[in-house]
């Protein structure tokens, strides 16, 4: 038994506790830079169709004789022969009156640079 006791004493004497000490950084200043790039792409498609549900007839002009009830195929004549004139006639029936199609692509790019400075 004595031999076992002495052996334990020898092993216990070898183990020593260790403790952490304070950590002190060995720098005095520093910088960090970063760059962030973004790209946004938006594609828009706009399709607009306007319809008429009735009949529309319009006539305008200068130096033109317009009869009392204008109608498609009416007899329009020039008032003063040889003088300038202007004449416009529009006849719309039910259906598509106007179509608008817009295809648009918008691209936005940005870059953000950051600089951080620190000291101890």
PDB file of N, CA and C in Angstrom:
ATOM      1  N   UNK A   1       0.792  -1.177   0.000  1.00  0.00           N
ATOM      2  CA  UNK A   1       0.000   0.000   0.000  1.00  0.00           C
ATOM      3  C   UNK A   1       0.841   1.250   0.000  1.00  0.00           C
ATOM      4  N   UNK A   2       1.882   1.189   0.609  1.00  0.00           N
ATOM      5  CA  UNK A   2       2.753   2.328   0.646  1.00  0.00           C
ATOM      6  C   UNK A   2       3.225   2.713  -0.751  1.00  0.00           C
ATOM      7  N   UNK A   3       3.527   1.776  -1.515  1.00  0.00           N
ATOM      8  CA  UNK A   3       4.012   2.016  -2.857  1.00  0.00           C
ATOM      9  C   UNK A   3       2.966   2.760  -3.702  1.00  0.00           C
ATOM     10  N   UNK A   4       1.701   2.427  -3.577  1.00  0.00           N
ATOM     11  CA  UNK A   4       0.615   3.084  -4.311  1.00  0.00           C
ATOM     12  C   UNK A   4       0.475   4.526  -3.838  1.00  0.00           C
ATOM     13  N   UNK A   5       0.589   4.782  -2.579  1.00  0.00           N
ATOM     14  CA  UNK A   5       0.440   6.126  -2.035  1.00  0.00           C
ATOM     15  C   UNK A   5       1.547   7.023  -2.544  1.00  0.00           C
ATOM     16  N   UNK A   6       2.745   6.544  -2.593  1.00  0.00           N
ATOM     17  CA  UNK A   6       3.854   7.349  -3.077  1.00  0.00           C
ATOM     18  C   UNK A   6       3.696   7.655  -4.564  1.00  0.00           C
ATOM     19  N   UNK A   7       3.201   6.694  -5.288  1.00  0.00           N
ATOM     20  CA  UNK A   7       2.981   6.916  -6.717  1.00  0.00           C
ATOM     21  C   UNK A   7       1.937   8.000  -6.956  1.00  0.00           C
ATOM     22  N   UNK A   8       0.912   8.052  -6.157  1.00  0.00           N
ATOM     23  CA  UNK A   8      -0.120   9.086  -6.296  1.00  0.00           C
ATOM     24  C   UNK A   8       0.434  10.447  -5.944  1.00  0.00           C
ATOM     25  N   UNK A   9       1.259  10.501  -4.976  1.00  0.00           N
ATOM     26  CA  UNK A   9       1.853  11.764  -4.571  1.00  0.00           C
ATOM     27  C   UNK A   9       2.719  12.297  -5.703  1.00  0.00           C
ATOM     28  N   UNK A  10       3.431  11.436  -6.386  1.00  0.00           N
ATOM     29  CA  UNK A  10       4.306  11.875  -7.463  1.00  0.00           C
ATOM     30  C   UNK A  10       3.487  12.408  -8.632  1.00  0.00           C
ATOM     31  N   UNK A  11       2.379  11.796  -8.983  1.00  0.00           N
ATOM     32  CA  UNK A  11       1.535  12.242 -10.088  1.00  0.00           C
ATOM     33  C   UNK A  11       0.858  13.550  -9.736  1.00  0.00           C
ATOM     34  N   UNK A  12       0.375  13.706  -8.537  1.00  0.00           N
ATOM     35  CA  UNK A  12      -0.284  14.933  -8.122  1.00  0.00           C
ATOM     36  C   UNK A  12       0.682  16.103  -8.110  1.00  0.00           C
ATOM     37  N   UNK A  13       1.907  15.868  -7.864  1.00  0.00           N
ATOM     38  CA  UNK A  13       2.885  16.950  -7.841  1.00  0.00           C
ATOM     39  C   UNK A  13       3.190  17.480  -9.242  1.00  0.00           C
ATOM     40  N   UNK A  14       2.945  16.742 -10.337  1.00  0.00           N
ATOM     41  CA  UNK A  14       3.251  17.153 -11.708  1.00  0.00           C
ATOM     42  C   UNK A  14       2.164  18.076 -12.264  1.00  0.00           C
ATOM     43  N   UNK A  15       0.909  17.926 -11.870  1.00  0.00           N
ATOM     44  CA  UNK A  15      -0.198  18.729 -12.391  1.00  0.00           C
ATOM     45  C   UNK A  15      -0.142  20.115 -11.765  1.00  0.00           C
ATOM     46  N   UNK A  16      -0.091  21.149 -12.647  1.00  0.00           N
ATOM     47  CA  UNK A  16      -0.095  22.524 -12.150  1.00  0.00           C
ATOM     48  C   UNK A  16      -1.182  23.296 -12.887  1.00  0.00           C
ATOM     49  N   UNK A  17      -1.920  24.101 -12.205  1.00  0.00           N
ATOM     50  CA  UNK A  17      -3.000  24.863 -12.869  1.00  0.00           C
ATOM     51  C   UNK A  17      -2.408  25.972 -13.743  1.00  0.00           C
ATOM     52  N   UNK A  18      -3.145  26.316 -14.846  1.00  0.00           N
ATOM     53  CA  UNK A  18      -2.718  27.428 -15.696  1.00  0.00           C
ATOM     54  C   UNK A  18      -3.874  28.413 -15.814  1.00  0.00           C
ATOM     55  N   UNK A  19      -3.571  29.690 -15.871  1.00  0.00           N
ATOM     56  CA  UNK A  19      -4.574  30.751 -15.933  1.00  0.00           C
ATOM     57  C   UNK A  19      -4.294  31.639 -17.143  1.00  0.00           C
ATOM     58  N   UNK A  20      -5.354  32.155 -17.752  1.00  0.00           N
ATOM     59  CA  UNK A  20      -5.199  33.034 -18.917  1.00  0.00           C
ATOM     60  C   UNK A  20      -4.863  34.433 -18.455  1.00  0.00           C
ATOM     61  N   UNK A  21      -3.958  35.068 -19.150  1.00  0.00           N
ATOM     62  CA  UNK A  21      -3.587  36.443 -18.842  1.00  0.00           C
ATOM     63  C   UNK A  21      -4.280  37.405 -19.798  1.00  0.00           C
ATOM     64  N   UNK A  22      -4.221  38.679 -19.552  1.00  0.00           N
ATOM     65  CA  UNK A  22      -4.858  39.647 -20.451  1.00  0.00           C
ATOM     66  C   UNK A  22      -4.166  39.665 -21.812  1.00  0.00           C
ATOM     67  N   UNK A  23      -4.990  39.837 -22.881  1.00  0.00           N
ATOM     68  CA  UNK A  23      -4.454  39.883 -24.238  1.00  0.00           C
ATOM     69  C   UNK A  23      -4.396  41.350 -24.660  1.00  0.00           C
ATOM     70  N   UNK A  24      -3.252  41.790 -25.041  1.00  0.00           N
ATOM     71  CA  UNK A  24      -3.065  43.173 -25.467  1.00  0.00           C
ATOM     72  C   UNK A  24      -2.698  43.170 -26.939  1.00  0.00           C
ATOM     73  N   UNK A  25      -3.511  43.820 -27.809  1.00  0.00           N
ATOM     74  CA  UNK A  25      -3.151  43.852 -29.230  1.00  0.00           C
ATOM     75  C   UNK A  25      -1.856  44.634 -29.423  1.00  0.00           C
ATOM     76  N   UNK A  26      -1.110  44.233 -30.431  1.00  0.00           N
ATOM     77  CA  UNK A  26       0.173  44.885 -30.660  1.00  0.00           C
ATOM     78  C   UNK A  26       0.129  45.834 -31.861  1.00  0.00           C
ATOM     79  N   UNK A  27      -1.020  46.490 -32.103  1.00  0.00           N
ATOM     80  CA  UNK A  27      -1.108  47.497 -33.152  1.00  0.00           C
ATOM     81  C   UNK A  27      -1.577  48.797 -32.518  1.00  0.00           C
ATOM     82  N   UNK A  28      -1.363  49.897 -33.231  1.00  0.00           N
ATOM     83  CA  UNK A  28      -1.781  51.200 -32.700  1.00  0.00           C
ATOM     84  C   UNK A  28      -2.890  51.823 -33.527  1.00  0.00           C
ATOM     85  N   UNK A  29      -2.987  51.501 -34.813  1.00  0.00           N
ATOM     86  CA  UNK A  29      -4.079  52.018 -35.644  1.00  0.00           C
ATOM     87  C   UNK A  29      -4.253  51.113 -36.851  1.00  0.00           C
ATOM     88  N   UNK A  30      -5.367  51.300 -37.547  1.00  0.00           N
ATOM     89  CA  UNK A  30      -5.626  50.500 -38.734  1.00  0.00           C
ATOM     90  C   UNK A  30      -6.779  51.074 -39.533  1.00  0.00           C
ATOM     91  N   UNK A  31      -6.943  50.591 -40.738  1.00  0.00           N
ATOM     92  CA  UNK A  31      -8.054  51.004 -41.592  1.00  0.00           C
ATOM     93  C   UNK A  31      -8.659  49.787 -42.261  1.00  0.00           C
ATOM     94  N   UNK A  32      -9.939  49.907 -42.561  1.00  0.00           N
ATOM     95  CA  UNK A  32     -10.646  48.875 -43.322  1.00  0.00           C
ATOM     96  C   UNK A  32     -11.386  49.601 -44.446  1.00  0.00           C
ATOM     97  N   UNK A  33     -11.217  49.135 -45.658  1.00  0.00           N
ATOM     98  CA  UNK A  33     -11.947  49.702 -46.789  1.00  0.00           C
ATOM     99  C   UNK A  33     -12.830  48.623 -47.388  1.00  0.00           C
ATOM    100  N   UNK A  34     -13.982  49.049 -47.885  1.00  0.00           N
ATOM    101  CA  UNK A  34     -14.871  48.102 -48.560  1.00  0.00           C
ATOM    102  C   UNK A  34     -15.545  48.813 -49.726  1.00  0.00           C
ATOM    103  N   UNK A  35     -15.901  48.035 -50.727  1.00  0.00           N
ATOM    104  CA  UNK A  35     -16.595  48.554 -51.902  1.00  0.00           C
ATOM    105  C   UNK A  35     -17.785  47.660 -52.191  1.00  0.00           C
ATOM    106  N   UNK A  36     -18.965  48.273 -52.334  1.00  0.00           N
ATOM    107  CA  UNK A  36     -20.182  47.537 -52.634  1.00  0.00           C
ATOM    108  C   UNK A  36     -20.741  48.047 -53.951  1.00  0.00           C
ATOM    109  N   UNK A  37     -20.956  47.143 -54.895  1.00  0.00           N
ATOM    110  CA  UNK A  37     -21.525  47.512 -56.191  1.00  0.00           C
ATOM    111  C   UNK A  37     -22.899  46.876 -56.326  1.00  0.00           C
ATOM    112  N   UNK A  38     -23.872  47.677 -56.798  1.00  0.00           N
ATOM    113  CA  UNK A  38     -25.217  47.153 -57.047  1.00  0.00           C
ATOM    114  C   UNK A  38     -25.635  47.515 -58.462  1.00  0.00           C
ATOM    115  N   UNK A  39     -26.460  46.654 -59.052  1.00  0.00           N
ATOM    116  CA  UNK A  39     -27.006  46.895 -60.396  1.00  0.00           C
ATOM    117  C   UNK A  39     -28.466  46.477 -60.375  1.00  0.00           C
ATOM    118  N   UNK A  40     -29.326  47.405 -60.755  1.00  0.00           N
ATOM    119  CA  UNK A  40     -30.761  47.138 -60.800  1.00  0.00           C
ATOM    120  C   UNK A  40     -31.236  47.321 -62.239  1.00  0.00           C
ATOM    121  N   UNK A  41     -31.952  46.342 -62.736  1.00  0.00           N
ATOM    122  CA  UNK A  41     -32.474  46.404 -64.103  1.00  0.00           C
ATOM    123  C   UNK A  41     -33.984  46.200 -64.050  1.00  0.00           C
ATOM    124  N   UNK A  42     -34.725  47.177 -64.591  1.00  0.00           N
ATOM    125  CA  UNK A  42     -36.190  47.112 -64.608  1.00  0.00           C
ATOM    126  C   UNK A  42     -36.639  47.126 -66.068  1.00  0.00           C
ATOM    127  N   UNK A  43     -37.436  46.154 -66.445  1.00  0.00           N
ATOM    128  CA  UNK A  43     -37.987  46.094 -67.798  1.00  0.00           C
ATOM    129  C   UNK A  43     -39.503  46.273 -67.693  1.00  0.00           C
ATOM    130  N   UNK A  44     -40.002  47.294 -68.389  1.00  0.00           N
ATOM    131  CA  UNK A  44     -41.433  47.594 -68.373  1.00  0.00           C
ATOM    132  C   UNK A  44     -41.993  47.397 -69.779  1.00  0.00           C
ATOM    133  N   UNK A  45     -43.145  46.781 -69.845  1.00  0.00           N
ATOM    134  CA  UNK A  45     -43.861  46.648 -71.110  1.00  0.00           C
ATOM    135  C   UNK A  45     -45.272  47.185 -70.866  1.00  0.00           C
ATOM    136  N   UNK A  46     -45.603  48.273 -71.571  1.00  0.00           N
ATOM    137  CA  UNK A  46     -46.918  48.905 -71.427  1.00  0.00           C
ATOM    138  C   UNK A  46     -47.632  48.774 -72.766  1.00  0.00           C
ATOM    139  N   UNK A  47     -48.791  48.157 -72.751  1.00  0.00           N
ATOM    140  CA  UNK A  47     -49.607  48.009 -73.964  1.00  0.00           C
ATOM    141  C   UNK A  47     -50.987  48.580 -73.663  1.00  0.00           C
ATOM    142  N   UNK A  48     -51.345  49.606 -74.411  1.00  0.00           N
ATOM    143  CA  UNK A  48     -52.634  50.271 -74.193  1.00  0.00           C
ATOM    144  C   UNK A  48     -53.381  50.302 -75.522  1.00  0.00           C
ATOM    145  N   UNK A  49     -54.615  49.839 -75.495  1.00  0.00           N
ATOM    146  CA  UNK A  49     -55.461  49.845 -76.685  1.00  0.00           C
ATOM    147  C   UNK A  49     -56.747  50.583 -76.329  1.00  0.00           C
ATOM    148  N   UNK A  50     -57.064  51.600 -77.141  1.00  0.00           N
ATOM    149  CA  UNK A  50     -58.287  52.375 -76.924  1.00  0.00           C
ATOM    150  C   UNK A  50     -59.296  51.993 -78.004  1.00  0.00           C
ATOM    151  N   UNK A  51     -60.523  51.763 -77.568  1.00  0.00           N
ATOM    152  CA  UNK A  51     -61.586  51.350 -78.472  1.00  0.00           C
ATOM    153  C   UNK A  51     -62.643  52.449 -78.572  1.00  0.00           C
ATOM    154  N   UNK A  52     -63.306  52.520 -79.731  1.00  0.00           N
ATOM    155  CA  UNK A  52     -64.482  53.375 -79.873  1.00  0.00           C
ATOM    156  C   UNK A  52     -65.694  52.454 -80.000  1.00  0.00           C
ATOM    157  N   UNK A  53     -66.797  52.901 -79.428  1.00  0.00           N
ATOM    158  CA  UNK A  53     -68.011  52.078 -79.468  1.00  0.00           C
ATOM    159  C   UNK A  53     -69.068  52.653 -80.394  1.00  0.00           C
ATOM    160  N   UNK A  54     -68.815  53.843 -80.936  1.00  0.00           N
ATOM    161  CA  UNK A  54     -69.766  54.476 -81.852  1.00  0.00           C
ATOM    162  C   UNK A  54     -69.037  55.021 -83.059  1.00  0.00           C
ATOM    163  N   UNK A  55     -69.756  55.793 -83.860  1.00  0.00           N
ATOM    164  CA  UNK A  55     -69.188  56.389 -85.058  1.00  0.00           C
ATOM    165  C   UNK A  55     -68.907  57.857 -84.793  1.00  0.00           C
ATOM    166  N   UNK A  56     -67.768  58.317 -85.283  1.00  0.00           N
ATOM    167  CA  UNK A  56     -67.380  59.712 -85.116  1.00  0.00           C
ATOM    168  C   UNK A  56     -66.913  60.250 -86.465  1.00  0.00           C
ATOM    169  N   UNK A  57     -67.413  61.437 -86.820  1.00  0.00           N
ATOM    170  CA  UNK A  57     -67.011  62.069 -88.076  1.00  0.00           C
ATOM    171  C   UNK A  57     -66.667  63.517 -87.790  1.00  0.00           C
ATOM    172  N   UNK A  58     -65.456  63.939 -88.199  1.00  0.00           N
ATOM    173  CA  UNK A  58     -65.003  65.298 -87.961  1.00  0.00           C
ATOM    174  C   UNK A  58     -64.439  65.858 -89.260  1.00  0.00           C
ATOM    175  N   UNK A  59     -64.787  67.104 -89.554  1.00  0.00           N
ATOM    176  CA  UNK A  59     -64.234  67.765 -90.725  1.00  0.00           C
ATOM    177  C   UNK A  59     -63.860  69.203 -90.329  1.00  0.00           C
ATOM    178  N   UNK A  60     -62.656  69.654 -90.725  1.00  0.00           N
ATOM    179  CA  UNK A  60     -62.208  71.013 -90.443  1.00  0.00           C
ATOM    180  C   UNK A  60     -61.472  71.530 -91.666  1.00  0.00           C
ATOM    181  N   UNK A  61     -61.327  72.847 -91.734  1.00  0.00           N
ATOM    182  CA  UNK A  61     -60.563  73.395 -92.845  1.00  0.00           C
ATOM    183  C   UNK A  61     -60.668  74.898 -92.923  1.00  0.00           C
ATOM    184  N   UNK A  62     -59.853  75.474 -93.806  1.00  0.00           N
ATOM    185  CA  UNK A  62     -59.911  76.905 -94.117  1.00  0.00           C
ATOM    186  C   UNK A  62     -60.052  77.042 -95.631  1.00  0.00           C
ATOM    187  N   UNK A  63     -60.809  78.055 -96.054  1.00  0.00           N
ATOM    188  CA  UNK A  63     -61.110  78.304 -97.460  1.00  0.00           C
ATOM    189  C   UNK A  63     -61.824  77.099 -98.085  1.00  0.00           C
ATOM    190  N   UNK A  64     -62.717  76.475 -97.304  1.00  0.00           N
ATOM    191  CA  UNK A  64     -63.468  75.297 -97.744  1.00  0.00           C
ATOM    192  C   UNK A  64     -64.956  75.573 -97.522  1.00  0.00           C
ATOM    193  N   UNK A  65     -65.792  75.204 -98.480  1.00  0.00           N
ATOM    194  CA  UNK A  65     -67.251  75.248 -98.325  1.00  0.00           C
ATOM    195  C   UNK A  65     -67.678  73.943 -97.665  1.00  0.00           C
ATOM    196  N   UNK A  66     -68.213  74.038 -96.443  1.00  0.00           N
ATOM    197  CA  UNK A  66     -68.688  72.855 -95.717  1.00  0.00           C
ATOM    198  C   UNK A  66     -70.212  72.897 -95.750  1.00  0.00           C
ATOM    199  N   UNK A  67     -70.858  71.842 -96.258  1.00  0.00           N
ATOM    200  CA  UNK A  67     -72.323  71.849 -96.315  1.00  0.00           C
ATOM    201  C   UNK A  67     -72.937  71.854 -94.920  1.00  0.00           C
ATOM    202  N   UNK A  68     -74.216  72.166 -94.821  1.00  0.00           N
ATOM    203  CA  UNK A  68     -74.906  72.266 -93.531  1.00  0.00           C
ATOM    204  C   UNK A  68     -74.828  71.000 -92.694  1.00  0.00           C
ATOM    205  N   UNK A  69     -74.852  69.828 -93.311  1.00  0.00           N
ATOM    206  CA  UNK A  69     -74.720  68.566 -92.575  1.00  0.00           C
ATOM    207  C   UNK A  69     -73.541  67.785 -93.155  1.00  0.00           C
ATOM    208  N   UNK A  70     -72.351  67.992 -92.578  1.00  0.00           N
ATOM    209  CA  UNK A  70     -71.183  67.268 -93.094  1.00  0.00           C
ATOM    210  C   UNK A  70     -71.352  65.764 -92.913  1.00  0.00           C
ATOM    211  N   UNK A  71     -70.881  65.016 -93.884  1.00  0.00           N
ATOM    212  CA  UNK A  71     -70.962  63.552 -93.819  1.00  0.00           C
ATOM    213  C   UNK A  71     -69.901  62.989 -94.745  1.00  0.00           C
ATOM    214  N   UNK A  72     -69.502  61.723 -94.511  1.00  0.00           N
ATOM    215  CA  UNK A  72     -68.535  61.112 -95.430  1.00  0.00           C
ATOM    216  C   UNK A  72     -69.092  61.130 -96.857  1.00  0.00           C
ATOM    217  N   UNK A  73     -68.253  61.537 -97.791  1.00  0.00           N
ATOM    218  CA  UNK A  73     -68.665  61.567 -99.198  1.00  0.00           C
ATOM    219  C   UNK A  73     -69.390  62.847 -99.589  1.00  0.00           C
ATOM    220  N   UNK A  74     -69.554  63.821 -98.683  1.00  0.00           N
ATOM    221  CA  UNK A  74     -70.222  65.087 -99.018  1.00  0.00           C
ATOM    222  C   UNK A  74     -69.375  65.849-100.027  1.00  0.00           C
ATOM    223  N   UNK A  75     -69.992  66.794-100.695  1.00  0.00           N
ATOM    224  CA  UNK A  75     -69.318  67.577-101.731  1.00  0.00           C
ATOM    225  C   UNK A  75     -68.695  68.819-101.091  1.00  0.00           C
ATOM    226  N   UNK A  76     -67.395  68.753-100.785  1.00  0.00           N
ATOM    227  CA  UNK A  76     -66.669  69.892-100.229  1.00  0.00           C
ATOM    228  C   UNK A  76     -65.963  70.604-101.373  1.00  0.00           C
ATOM    229  N   UNK A  77     -66.036  71.920-101.386  1.00  0.00           N
ATOM    230  CA  UNK A  77     -65.409  72.695-102.462  1.00  0.00           C
ATOM    231  C   UNK A  77     -64.568  73.820-101.870  1.00  0.00           C
ATOM    232  N   UNK A  78     -63.640  74.326-102.681  1.00  0.00           N
ATOM    233  CA  UNK A  78     -62.800  75.449-102.275  1.00  0.00           C
ATOM    234  C   UNK A  78     -63.589  76.722-102.509  1.00  0.00           C
ATOM    235  N   UNK A  79     -63.547  77.656-101.554  1.00  0.00           N
ATOM    236  CA  UNK A  79     -64.283  78.924-101.671  1.00  0.00           C
ATOM    237  C   UNK A  79     -63.629  79.846-102.702  1.00  0.00           C
ATOM    238  N   UNK A  80     -62.330  80.131-102.529  1.00  0.00           N
ATOM    239  CA  UNK A  80     -61.626  81.039-103.436  1.00  0.00           C
ATOM    240  C   UNK A  80     -60.568  80.235-104.173  1.00  0.00           C
ATOM    241  N   UNK A  81     -60.808  79.994-105.466  1.00  0.00           N
ATOM    242  CA  UNK A  81     -59.880  79.215-106.283  1.00  0.00           C
ATOM    243  C   UNK A  81     -58.513  79.913-106.338  1.00  0.00           C
ATOM    244  N   UNK A  82     -57.431  79.147-106.179  1.00  0.00           N
ATOM    245  CA  UNK A  82     -56.079  79.668-106.247  1.00  0.00           C
ATOM    246  C   UNK A  82     -55.550  80.157-104.916  1.00  0.00           C
ATOM    247  N   UNK A  83     -56.416  80.370-103.915  1.00  0.00           N
ATOM    248  CA  UNK A  83     -55.972  80.805-102.586  1.00  0.00           C
ATOM    249  C   UNK A  83     -55.583  79.572-101.771  1.00  0.00           C
ATOM    250  N   UNK A  84     -54.720  79.762-100.752  1.00  0.00           N
ATOM    251  CA  UNK A  84     -54.349  78.611 -99.906  1.00  0.00           C
ATOM    252  C   UNK A  84     -55.580  78.037 -99.201  1.00  0.00           C
ATOM    253  N   UNK A  85     -55.533  76.724 -98.956  1.00  0.00           N
ATOM    254  CA  UNK A  85     -56.614  76.072 -98.210  1.00  0.00           C
ATOM    255  C   UNK A  85     -56.052  74.915 -97.396  1.00  0.00           C
ATOM    256  N   UNK A  86     -56.855  74.505 -96.442  1.00  0.00           N
ATOM    257  CA  UNK A  86     -56.501  73.367 -95.591  1.00  0.00           C
ATOM    258  C   UNK A  86     -57.777  72.582 -95.364  1.00  0.00           C
ATOM    259  N   UNK A  87     -57.675  71.233 -95.435  1.00  0.00           N
ATOM    260  CA  UNK A  87     -58.852  70.396 -95.254  1.00  0.00           C
ATOM    261  C   UNK A  87     -58.453  69.133 -94.512  1.00  0.00           C
ATOM    262  N   UNK A  88     -59.245  68.748 -93.497  1.00  0.00           N
ATOM    263  CA  UNK A  88     -59.001  67.526 -92.726  1.00  0.00           C
ATOM    264  C   UNK A  88     -60.333  66.843 -92.471  1.00  0.00           C
ATOM    265  N   UNK A  89     -60.356  65.542 -92.723  1.00  0.00           N
ATOM    266  CA  UNK A  89     -61.572  64.749 -92.537  1.00  0.00           C
ATOM    267  C   UNK A  89     -61.197  63.488 -91.762  1.00  0.00           C
ATOM    268  N   UNK A  90     -61.896  63.210 -90.646  1.00  0.00           N
ATOM    269  CA  UNK A  90     -61.646  62.030 -89.825  1.00  0.00           C
ATOM    270  C   UNK A  90     -62.949  61.266 -89.644  1.00  0.00           C
ATOM    271  N   UNK A  91     -62.903  59.978 -89.959  1.00  0.00           N
ATOM    272  CA  UNK A  91     -64.093  59.138 -89.807  1.00  0.00           C
ATOM    273  C   UNK A  91     -63.695  57.893 -89.019  1.00  0.00           C
ATOM    274  N   UNK A  92     -64.238  57.733 -87.809  1.00  0.00           N
ATOM    275  CA  UNK A  92     -63.943  56.577 -86.964  1.00  0.00           C
ATOM    276  C   UNK A  92     -65.199  55.743 -86.795  1.00  0.00           C
ATOM    277  N   UNK A  93     -65.048  54.450 -86.972  1.00  0.00           N
ATOM    278  CA  UNK A  93     -66.156  53.519 -86.737  1.00  0.00           C
ATOM    279  C   UNK A  93     -65.830  52.707 -85.493  1.00  0.00           C
ATOM    280  N   UNK A  94     -66.777  51.938 -84.959  1.00  0.00           N
ATOM    281  CA  UNK A  94     -66.477  51.130 -83.774  1.00  0.00           C
ATOM    282  C   UNK A  94     -65.297  50.204 -84.025  1.00  0.00           C
ATOM    283  N   UNK A  95     -64.437  50.090 -83.017  1.00  0.00           N
ATOM    284  CA  UNK A  95     -63.258  49.232 -83.118  1.00  0.00           C
ATOM    285  C   UNK A  95     -62.078  49.885 -82.424  1.00  0.00           C
ATOM    286  N   UNK A  96     -60.887  49.510 -82.847  1.00  0.00           N
ATOM    287  CA  UNK A  96     -59.667  50.045 -82.243  1.00  0.00           C
ATOM    288  C   UNK A  96     -59.423  51.447 -82.791  1.00  0.00           C
ATOM    289  N   UNK A  97     -59.308  52.412 -81.886  1.00  0.00           N
ATOM    290  CA  UNK A  97     -59.049  53.792 -82.288  1.00  0.00           C
ATOM    291  C   UNK A  97     -57.575  54.131 -82.183  1.00  0.00           C
ATOM    292  N   UNK A  98     -56.891  53.562 -81.180  1.00  0.00           N
ATOM    293  CA  UNK A  98     -55.494  53.929 -80.944  1.00  0.00           C
ATOM    294  C   UNK A  98     -54.795  52.805 -80.196  1.00  0.00           C
ATOM    295  N   UNK A  99     -53.548  52.530 -80.581  1.00  0.00           N
ATOM    296  CA  UNK A  99     -52.720  51.556 -79.876  1.00  0.00           C
ATOM    297  C   UNK A  99     -51.430  52.234 -79.448  1.00  0.00           C
ATOM    298  N   UNK A 100     -51.039  52.016 -78.191  1.00  0.00           N
ATOM    299  CA  UNK A 100     -49.782  52.539 -77.668  1.00  0.00           C
ATOM    300  C   UNK A 100     -49.020  51.380 -77.044  1.00  0.00           C
ATOM    301  N   UNK A 101     -47.818  51.139 -77.527  1.00  0.00           N
ATOM    302  CA  UNK A 101     -46.965  50.087 -76.988  1.00  0.00           C
ATOM    303  C   UNK A 101     -45.644  50.721 -76.589  1.00  0.00           C
ATOM    304  N   UNK A 102     -45.275  50.560 -75.339  1.00  0.00           N
ATOM    305  CA  UNK A 102     -44.017  51.103 -74.823  1.00  0.00           C
ATOM    306  C   UNK A 102     -43.217  49.974 -74.200  1.00  0.00           C
ATOM    307  N   UNK A 103     -42.012  49.767 -74.706  1.00  0.00           N
ATOM    308  CA  UNK A 103     -41.060  48.822 -74.111  1.00  0.00           C
ATOM    309  C   UNK A 103     -39.910  49.661 -73.583  1.00  0.00           C
ATOM    310  N   UNK A 104     -39.703  49.626 -72.269  1.00  0.00           N
ATOM    311  CA  UNK A 104     -38.687  50.472 -71.656  1.00  0.00           C
ATOM    312  C   UNK A 104     -37.819  49.648 -70.717  1.00  0.00           C
ATOM    313  N   UNK A 105     -36.513  49.878 -70.804  1.00  0.00           N
ATOM    314  CA  UNK A 105     -35.553  49.196 -69.938  1.00  0.00           C
ATOM    315  C   UNK A 105     -34.761  50.261 -69.198  1.00  0.00           C
ATOM    316  N   UNK A 106     -34.753  50.180 -67.872  1.00  0.00           N
ATOM    317  CA  UNK A 106     -34.023  51.131 -67.039  1.00  0.00           C
ATOM    318  C   UNK A 106     -32.957  50.367 -66.263  1.00  0.00           C
ATOM    319  N   UNK A 107     -31.707  50.826 -66.362  1.00  0.00           N
ATOM    320  CA  UNK A 107     -30.595  50.195 -65.653  1.00  0.00           C
ATOM    321  C   UNK A 107     -29.984  51.231 -64.724  1.00  0.00           C
ATOM    322  N   UNK A 108     -29.840  50.846 -63.464  1.00  0.00           N
ATOM    323  CA  UNK A 108     -29.224  51.732 -62.473  1.00  0.00           C
ATOM    324  C   UNK A 108     -28.062  50.995 -61.826  1.00  0.00           C
ATOM    325  N   UNK A 109     -26.908  51.635 -61.841  1.00  0.00           N
ATOM    326  CA  UNK A 109     -25.721  51.053 -61.224  1.00  0.00           C
ATOM    327  C   UNK A 109     -25.179  52.025 -60.188  1.00  0.00           C
ATOM    328  N   UNK A 110     -24.747  51.493 -59.053  1.00  0.00           N
ATOM    329  CA  UNK A 110     -24.165  52.359 -58.028  1.00  0.00           C
ATOM    330  C   UNK A 110     -23.000  51.642 -57.359  1.00  0.00           C
ATOM    331  N   UNK A 111     -22.062  52.454 -56.875  1.00  0.00           N
ATOM    332  CA  UNK A 111     -20.900  51.954 -56.149  1.00  0.00           C
ATOM    333  C   UNK A 111     -20.782  52.739 -54.841  1.00  0.00           C
ATOM    334  N   UNK A 112     -20.657  52.027 -53.720  1.00  0.00           N
ATOM    335  CA  UNK A 112     -20.491  52.660 -52.417  1.00  0.00           C
ATOM    336  C   UNK A 112     -19.141  52.231 -51.854  1.00  0.00           C
ATOM    337  N   UNK A 113     -18.308  53.216 -51.540  1.00  0.00           N
ATOM    338  CA  UNK A 113     -17.003  52.956 -50.943  1.00  0.00           C
ATOM    339  C   UNK A 113     -17.043  53.394 -49.479  1.00  0.00           C
ATOM    340  N   UNK A 114     -16.558  52.535 -48.579  1.00  0.00           N
ATOM    341  CA  UNK A 114     -16.516  52.850 -47.153  1.00  0.00           C
ATOM    342  C   UNK A 114     -15.085  52.754 -46.643  1.00  0.00           C
ATOM    343  N   UNK A 115     -14.740  53.642 -45.731  1.00  0.00           N
ATOM    344  CA  UNK A 115     -13.429  53.638 -45.089  1.00  0.00           C
ATOM    345  C   UNK A 115     -13.634  53.751 -43.600  1.00  0.00           C
ATOM    346  N   UNK A 116     -13.123  52.796 -42.848  1.00  0.00           N
ATOM    347  CA  UNK A 116     -13.189  52.832 -41.384  1.00  0.00           C
ATOM    348  C   UNK A 116     -11.774  52.970 -40.847  1.00  0.00           C
ATOM    349  N   UNK A 117     -11.568  53.916 -39.933  1.00  0.00           N
ATOM    350  CA  UNK A 117     -10.273  54.132 -39.312  1.00  0.00           C
ATOM    351  C   UNK A 117     -10.425  53.891 -37.816  1.00  0.00           C
ATOM    352  N   UNK A 118      -9.508  53.106 -37.237  1.00  0.00           N
ATOM    353  CA  UNK A 118      -9.592  52.835 -35.792  1.00  0.00           C
ATOM    354  C   UNK A 118      -8.208  52.945 -35.180  1.00  0.00           C
ATOM    355  N   UNK A 119      -8.217  53.310 -33.893  1.00  0.00           N
ATOM    356  CA  UNK A 119      -6.960  53.411 -33.134  1.00  0.00           C
ATOM    357  C   UNK A 119      -7.135  52.742 -31.793  1.00  0.00           C
ATOM    358  N   UNK A 120      -6.026  52.408 -31.194  1.00  0.00           N
ATOM    359  CA  UNK A 120      -6.060  51.733 -29.887  1.00  0.00           C
ATOM    360  C   UNK A 120      -5.932  52.744 -28.791  1.00  0.00           C
TER     361      UNK A 120
END
